[in-house]
Amino acid sequence: GSMMCQGDAADEVEIRGIKEAQLMMGNNFKEGYRQGHVGPALDDLIINRPWGFRLEDIKVDVDLWWGEVDQNVPLCQGKYIESKLTNCQLKVMDGCAHLFPLTKWREILESLLRNE
């Protein structure tokens, strides 16, 4: 797990101090690759193909959280998605990268419960 948190982003630094999070991430990767690389490779192929619907056709309210310094899926992708969704509120997590849901989950859930 700690190998995935080598950056300086706030979430990566915090995760390095949470043994349970590191263990969970390590177990998730092991399970994902347990039967080989084909499954994870297919995930990458599928997500980069047409999804069978247009983002513009989604009419429900969408809260979209994104790490400000995410290098896995850069913020520009979040801004693109926001521009295509009719009712989207992009919430950028300052100083965070890709793993912020592991450290900011309480903030996200509280926001959803408040319906912000």
Protein backbone atom coordinates (compact mmCIF):
# COMPACT_ATOMS: atom_id res chain seq x y z
CA GLY A 1 0.00 0.00 0.00
CA SER A 2 2.73 2.50 0.88
CA MET A 3 4.28 2.11 -2.59
CA MET A 4 1.16 3.80 -4.00
CA CYS A 5 1.54 6.81 -1.69
CA GLN A 6 4.96 8.19 -2.52
CA GLY A 7 3.88 11.72 -3.48
CA ASP A 8 3.69 14.94 -1.52
CA ALA A 9 -0.07 15.43 -1.88
CA ALA A 10 -1.94 15.85 1.40
CA ASP A 11 -3.88 12.60 1.03
CA GLU A 12 -0.78 10.57 0.14
CA VAL A 13 1.15 11.91 3.14
CA GLU A 14 -1.78 11.17 5.45
CA ILE A 15 -2.30 7.64 4.11
CA ARG A 16 1.34 6.79 4.77
CA GLY A 17 0.47 7.16 8.45
CA ILE A 18 -2.63 4.93 8.35
CA LYS A 19 -1.57 1.30 8.47
CA GLU A 20 -5.13 0.03 7.83
CA ALA A 21 -5.43 2.08 4.64
CA GLN A 22 -2.10 0.81 3.35
CA LEU A 23 -3.09 -2.77 4.12
CA MET A 24 -6.47 -2.36 2.40
CA MET A 25 -4.88 -0.88 -0.72
CA GLY A 26 -2.29 -3.65 -0.88
CA ASN A 27 -5.00 -6.30 -0.50
CA ASN A 28 -7.14 -4.64 -3.18
CA PHE A 29 -4.27 -4.69 -5.67
CA LYS A 30 -3.39 -8.29 -4.86
CA GLU A 31 -7.00 -9.34 -5.36
CA GLY A 32 -7.29 -7.33 -8.58
CA TYR A 33 -4.32 -9.14 -10.08
CA ARG A 34 -4.90 -12.53 -8.41
CA GLN A 35 -6.00 -14.11 -11.70
CA GLY A 36 -3.48 -12.20 -13.79
CA HIS A 37 -3.29 -8.89 -15.58
CA VAL A 38 -6.19 -9.37 -18.03
CA GLY A 39 -8.92 -7.99 -15.73
CA PRO A 40 -7.15 -4.74 -14.84
CA ALA A 41 -6.08 -4.32 -18.48
CA LEU A 42 -9.71 -4.73 -19.61
CA ASP A 43 -10.78 -2.10 -17.06
CA ASP A 44 -8.40 0.37 -18.70
CA LEU A 45 -9.70 -0.47 -22.17
CA ILE A 46 -13.36 -0.26 -21.21
CA ILE A 47 -13.13 3.09 -19.44
CA ASN A 48 -11.50 4.61 -22.52
CA ARG A 49 -14.19 3.45 -24.95
CA PRO A 50 -17.61 5.00 -25.58
CA TRP A 51 -19.90 4.22 -22.64
CA GLY A 52 -23.13 3.94 -24.63
CA PHE A 53 -24.54 7.23 -23.36
CA ARG A 54 -23.61 10.90 -23.49
CA LEU A 55 -22.69 12.82 -20.37
CA GLU A 56 -24.92 15.63 -21.63
CA ASP A 57 -27.93 13.31 -21.33
CA ILE A 58 -27.50 12.87 -17.56
CA LYS A 59 -30.06 15.18 -15.96
CA VAL A 60 -29.78 14.31 -12.26
CA ASP A 61 -27.69 16.43 -9.92
CA VAL A 62 -24.09 15.22 -9.74
CA ASP A 63 -21.52 16.02 -7.08
CA LEU A 64 -18.08 15.35 -8.50
CA TRP A 65 -15.11 15.35 -6.13
CA TRP A 66 -11.61 15.60 -7.60
CA GLY A 67 -8.10 15.82 -6.25
CA GLU A 68 -6.46 19.12 -7.17
CA VAL A 69 -3.08 17.49 -7.88
CA ASP A 70 -4.29 14.07 -9.06
CA GLN A 71 -1.72 12.66 -11.47
CA ASN A 72 -3.69 9.46 -12.17
CA VAL A 73 -6.70 11.33 -13.54
CA PRO A 74 -5.80 15.03 -13.84
CA LEU A 75 -8.13 17.82 -12.77
CA CYS A 76 -8.61 18.86 -16.40
CA GLN A 77 -10.58 15.60 -16.85
CA GLY A 78 -12.84 16.55 -13.96
CA LYS A 79 -13.38 19.99 -15.46
CA TYR A 80 -14.22 18.37 -18.81
CA ILE A 81 -16.79 16.08 -17.18
CA GLU A 82 -18.26 19.02 -15.29
CA SER A 83 -18.62 20.96 -18.55
CA LYS A 84 -20.58 18.09 -20.12
CA LEU A 85 -22.92 17.35 -17.21
CA THR A 86 -25.98 19.59 -17.04
CA ASN A 87 -26.29 19.69 -13.25
CA CYS A 88 -22.79 19.13 -11.92
CA GLN A 89 -20.95 20.66 -9.02
CA LEU A 90 -17.21 20.00 -9.16
CA LYS A 91 -15.65 19.97 -5.71
CA VAL A 92 -11.87 20.21 -5.92
CA MET A 93 -10.02 18.83 -2.93
CA ASP A 94 -7.18 21.28 -2.32
CA GLY A 95 -3.72 19.74 -2.19
CA CYS A 96 -5.08 16.23 -2.67
CA ALA A 97 -4.31 13.61 -5.30
CA HIS A 98 -6.10 10.42 -6.36
CA LEU A 99 -6.55 8.77 -2.97
CA PHE A 100 -8.36 11.55 -1.12
CA PRO A 101 -11.57 9.50 -0.63
CA LEU A 102 -9.61 7.39 1.86
CA THR A 103 -8.81 10.43 3.98
CA LYS A 104 -11.69 12.81 3.20
CA TRP A 105 -14.57 10.32 3.27
CA ARG A 106 -16.16 11.93 6.32
CA GLU A 107 -16.15 15.38 4.68
CA ILE A 108 -17.68 13.91 1.51
CA LEU A 109 -20.41 12.01 3.39
CA GLU A 110 -21.25 15.04 5.54
CA SER A 111 -21.56 17.17 2.41
CA LEU A 112 -23.90 14.63 0.83
CA LEU A 113 -26.02 14.47 3.98
CA ARG A 114 -26.26 18.29 4.05
CA ASN A 115 -27.13 18.13 0.35
CA GLU A 116 -24.59 20.88 -0.48
